[in-house]
Amino acid sequence: MNLTPAQRQTVSWLLIAAVLFALLWLLAPVLALFLVAAVLAYAPHPAVEALARRLVRARPGRVAGGGAGRRGRVGHGCC
């Protein structure tokens, strides 16, 4: 069977797609757990942010960006 280059490329992409589909089909039980974990990690994020903003406003005596635990540290801007 002689195929043109365009037909060979189409057959190659179809084979790659079939292999990926079969791999996803076989790994579906494992991947489903990761999907559920991602949803559980990101779904409540807006509610947590709103609660954090509300709790920060509820403490009027708090000084933003500082505290006794941060004094003397140099170069630790992330924590």
N, C-alpha and C. Protein backbone atom coordinates (compact mmCIF):
# COMPACT_ATOMS: atom_id res chain seq x y z
N MET A 1 0.85 -1.16 0.00
CA MET A 1 0.00 0.00 0.00
C MET A 1 0.91 1.23 0.00
N ASN A 2 0.78 2.02 -1.02
CA ASN A 2 1.56 3.24 -1.15
C ASN A 2 0.74 4.42 -0.66
N LEU A 3 1.29 5.13 0.30
CA LEU A 3 0.59 6.29 0.86
C LEU A 3 1.36 7.55 0.51
N THR A 4 0.62 8.60 0.29
CA THR A 4 1.26 9.89 0.06
C THR A 4 1.77 10.41 1.41
N PRO A 5 2.67 11.38 1.40
CA PRO A 5 3.15 11.93 2.68
C PRO A 5 2.01 12.48 3.54
N ALA A 6 1.03 13.09 2.94
CA ALA A 6 -0.10 13.63 3.72
C ALA A 6 -0.90 12.51 4.37
N GLN A 7 -1.08 11.40 3.62
CA GLN A 7 -1.81 10.26 4.17
C GLN A 7 -1.02 9.59 5.30
N ARG A 8 0.30 9.49 5.11
CA ARG A 8 1.14 8.92 6.18
C ARG A 8 1.08 9.76 7.45
N GLN A 9 1.08 11.09 7.27
CA GLN A 9 1.00 11.97 8.43
C GLN A 9 -0.35 11.80 9.12
N THR A 10 -1.42 11.69 8.34
CA THR A 10 -2.75 11.50 8.93
C THR A 10 -2.82 10.18 9.69
N VAL A 11 -2.29 9.12 9.10
CA VAL A 11 -2.29 7.81 9.78
C VAL A 11 -1.46 7.88 11.06
N SER A 12 -0.33 8.57 11.01
CA SER A 12 0.51 8.70 12.20
C SER A 12 -0.23 9.42 13.31
N TRP A 13 -0.89 10.54 12.99
CA TRP A 13 -1.63 11.28 14.01
C TRP A 13 -2.80 10.46 14.56
N LEU A 14 -3.45 9.69 13.69
CA LEU A 14 -4.54 8.84 14.16
C LEU A 14 -4.03 7.75 15.10
N LEU A 15 -2.88 7.18 14.79
CA LEU A 15 -2.30 6.18 15.69
C LEU A 15 -1.90 6.79 17.04
N ILE A 16 -1.31 7.98 16.99
CA ILE A 16 -0.94 8.66 18.24
C ILE A 16 -2.18 8.96 19.07
N ALA A 17 -3.24 9.44 18.40
CA ALA A 17 -4.48 9.73 19.11
C ALA A 17 -5.09 8.47 19.71
N ALA A 18 -5.03 7.36 18.97
CA ALA A 18 -5.58 6.09 19.49
C ALA A 18 -4.79 5.61 20.69
N VAL A 19 -3.48 5.72 20.64
CA VAL A 19 -2.65 5.30 21.77
C VAL A 19 -2.93 6.17 23.00
N LEU A 20 -3.03 7.48 22.80
CA LEU A 20 -3.32 8.37 23.92
C LEU A 20 -4.70 8.10 24.51
N PHE A 21 -5.68 7.85 23.64
CA PHE A 21 -7.02 7.53 24.13
C PHE A 21 -7.01 6.24 24.94
N ALA A 22 -6.30 5.22 24.44
CA ALA A 22 -6.23 3.95 25.17
C ALA A 22 -5.53 4.13 26.52
N LEU A 23 -4.48 4.95 26.53
CA LEU A 23 -3.76 5.21 27.77
C LEU A 23 -4.65 5.94 28.77
N LEU A 24 -5.38 6.94 28.30
CA LEU A 24 -6.31 7.64 29.20
C LEU A 24 -7.41 6.70 29.69
N TRP A 25 -7.88 5.82 28.83
CA TRP A 25 -8.94 4.88 29.21
C TRP A 25 -8.43 3.93 30.30
N LEU A 26 -7.19 3.46 30.14
CA LEU A 26 -6.64 2.54 31.13
C LEU A 26 -6.30 3.23 32.45
N LEU A 27 -5.89 4.48 32.40
CA LEU A 27 -5.49 5.20 33.60
C LEU A 27 -6.63 6.01 34.22
N ALA A 28 -7.82 5.90 33.69
CA ALA A 28 -8.96 6.69 34.17
C ALA A 28 -9.20 6.54 35.67
N PRO A 29 -9.14 5.34 36.25
CA PRO A 29 -9.38 5.25 37.69
C PRO A 29 -8.37 6.04 38.52
N VAL A 30 -7.12 6.06 38.10
CA VAL A 30 -6.09 6.79 38.83
C VAL A 30 -6.22 8.29 38.58
N LEU A 31 -6.44 8.66 37.33
CA LEU A 31 -6.54 10.08 36.98
C LEU A 31 -7.77 10.73 37.60
N ALA A 32 -8.83 9.94 37.81
CA ALA A 32 -10.03 10.48 38.44
C ALA A 32 -9.73 10.97 39.86
N LEU A 33 -8.87 10.25 40.57
CA LEU A 33 -8.51 10.69 41.92
C LEU A 33 -7.78 12.02 41.90
N PHE A 34 -6.89 12.20 40.92
CA PHE A 34 -6.19 13.48 40.80
C PHE A 34 -7.15 14.60 40.43
N LEU A 35 -8.13 14.30 39.59
CA LEU A 35 -9.12 15.30 39.23
C LEU A 35 -9.95 15.71 40.44
N VAL A 36 -10.36 14.75 41.23
CA VAL A 36 -11.13 15.06 42.45
C VAL A 36 -10.27 15.88 43.42
N ALA A 37 -9.01 15.52 43.55
CA ALA A 37 -8.12 16.27 44.45
C ALA A 37 -7.94 17.70 43.96
N ALA A 38 -7.83 17.90 42.67
CA ALA A 38 -7.68 19.26 42.13
C ALA A 38 -8.93 20.09 42.39
N VAL A 39 -10.08 19.49 42.20
CA VAL A 39 -11.33 20.21 42.47
C VAL A 39 -11.44 20.56 43.95
N LEU A 40 -11.11 19.61 44.81
CA LEU A 40 -11.19 19.88 46.25
C LEU A 40 -10.15 20.90 46.70
N ALA A 41 -9.05 21.01 45.97
CA ALA A 41 -8.03 21.99 46.34
C ALA A 41 -8.40 23.39 45.90
N TYR A 42 -9.01 23.53 44.73
CA TYR A 42 -9.24 24.86 44.17
C TYR A 42 -10.66 25.37 44.35
N ALA A 43 -11.64 24.52 44.54
CA ALA A 43 -13.03 24.97 44.65
C ALA A 43 -13.27 25.87 45.87
N PRO A 44 -12.77 25.53 47.06
CA PRO A 44 -13.04 26.39 48.21
C PRO A 44 -12.12 27.60 48.31
N HIS A 45 -11.22 27.79 47.36
CA HIS A 45 -10.25 28.88 47.45
C HIS A 45 -10.91 30.26 47.58
N PRO A 46 -11.93 30.62 46.79
CA PRO A 46 -12.56 31.94 46.97
C PRO A 46 -13.16 32.13 48.36
N ALA A 47 -13.75 31.09 48.90
CA ALA A 47 -14.34 31.20 50.24
C ALA A 47 -13.25 31.39 51.30
N VAL A 48 -12.14 30.71 51.13
CA VAL A 48 -11.04 30.85 52.08
C VAL A 48 -10.45 32.26 52.00
N GLU A 49 -10.30 32.78 50.79
CA GLU A 49 -9.79 34.14 50.63
C GLU A 49 -10.72 35.16 51.28
N ALA A 50 -12.02 35.01 51.10
CA ALA A 50 -12.98 35.92 51.71
C ALA A 50 -12.93 35.84 53.23
N LEU A 51 -12.82 34.64 53.75
CA LEU A 51 -12.72 34.46 55.19
C LEU A 51 -11.43 35.07 55.72
N ALA A 52 -10.35 34.92 55.01
CA ALA A 52 -9.08 35.50 55.44
C ALA A 52 -9.16 37.02 55.45
N ARG A 53 -9.77 37.61 54.44
CA ARG A 53 -9.93 39.07 54.42
C ARG A 53 -10.79 39.54 55.59
N ARG A 54 -11.84 38.78 55.88
CA ARG A 54 -12.73 39.15 56.98
C ARG A 54 -12.01 39.06 58.32
N LEU A 55 -11.18 38.02 58.50
CA LEU A 55 -10.47 37.85 59.76
C LEU A 55 -9.38 38.90 59.94
N VAL A 56 -8.73 39.32 58.87
CA VAL A 56 -7.70 40.34 58.96
C VAL A 56 -8.33 41.68 59.34
N ARG A 57 -9.51 41.98 58.78
CA ARG A 57 -10.20 43.23 59.13
C ARG A 57 -10.72 43.20 60.57
N ALA A 58 -10.93 42.02 61.12
CA ALA A 58 -11.49 41.92 62.47
C ALA A 58 -10.45 42.21 63.54
N ARG A 59 -9.18 42.33 63.18
CA ARG A 59 -8.11 42.62 64.15
C ARG A 59 -7.56 44.01 63.89
N PRO A 60 -8.14 45.04 64.48
CA PRO A 60 -7.71 46.40 64.16
C PRO A 60 -6.33 46.76 64.70
N GLY A 61 -5.84 46.11 65.74
CA GLY A 61 -4.56 46.47 66.31
C GLY A 61 -3.38 45.83 65.61
N ARG A 62 -3.62 45.08 64.60
CA ARG A 62 -2.56 44.35 63.92
C ARG A 62 -1.79 45.27 62.98
N VAL A 63 -0.47 45.15 62.99
CA VAL A 63 0.37 45.95 62.11
C VAL A 63 0.66 45.12 60.86
N ALA A 64 0.42 45.70 59.71
CA ALA A 64 0.61 44.97 58.46
C ALA A 64 2.08 44.78 58.16
N GLY A 65 2.45 43.57 57.77
CA GLY A 65 3.78 43.28 57.28
C GLY A 65 4.86 43.14 58.32
N GLY A 66 4.55 42.98 59.56
CA GLY A 66 5.63 42.87 60.54
C GLY A 66 5.23 42.09 61.75
N GLY A 67 6.10 42.10 62.70
CA GLY A 67 5.86 41.39 63.94
C GLY A 67 7.18 40.98 64.54
N ALA A 68 7.13 40.51 65.76
CA ALA A 68 8.36 40.17 66.46
C ALA A 68 9.08 39.00 65.79
N GLY A 69 8.34 38.14 65.13
CA GLY A 69 8.96 36.98 64.49
C GLY A 69 9.76 37.34 63.26
N ARG A 70 9.57 38.48 62.67
CA ARG A 70 10.24 38.82 61.43
C ARG A 70 11.45 39.73 61.65
N ARG A 71 11.66 40.23 62.81
CA ARG A 71 12.75 41.18 63.03
C ARG A 71 14.09 40.49 62.92
N GLY A 72 15.02 41.16 62.30
CA GLY A 72 16.36 40.66 62.19
C GLY A 72 16.60 39.74 61.01
N ARG A 73 15.57 39.38 60.29
CA ARG A 73 15.74 38.52 59.11
C ARG A 73 15.99 39.37 57.89
N VAL A 74 16.98 38.99 57.15
CA VAL A 74 17.30 39.71 55.92
C VAL A 74 17.18 38.73 54.76
N GLY A 75 16.50 39.15 53.70
CA GLY A 75 16.38 38.33 52.52
C GLY A 75 15.33 37.26 52.58
N HIS A 76 14.44 37.31 53.52
CA HIS A 76 13.35 36.34 53.62
C HIS A 76 12.03 37.04 53.36
N GLY A 77 11.87 37.58 52.18
CA GLY A 77 10.65 38.31 51.86
C GLY A 77 9.43 37.45 51.62
N CYS A 78 9.62 36.15 51.43
CA CYS A 78 8.48 35.30 51.09
C CYS A 78 7.70 34.83 52.31
N CYS A 79 8.30 34.79 53.46
CA CYS A 79 7.66 34.17 54.63
C CYS A 79 7.38 35.15 55.73
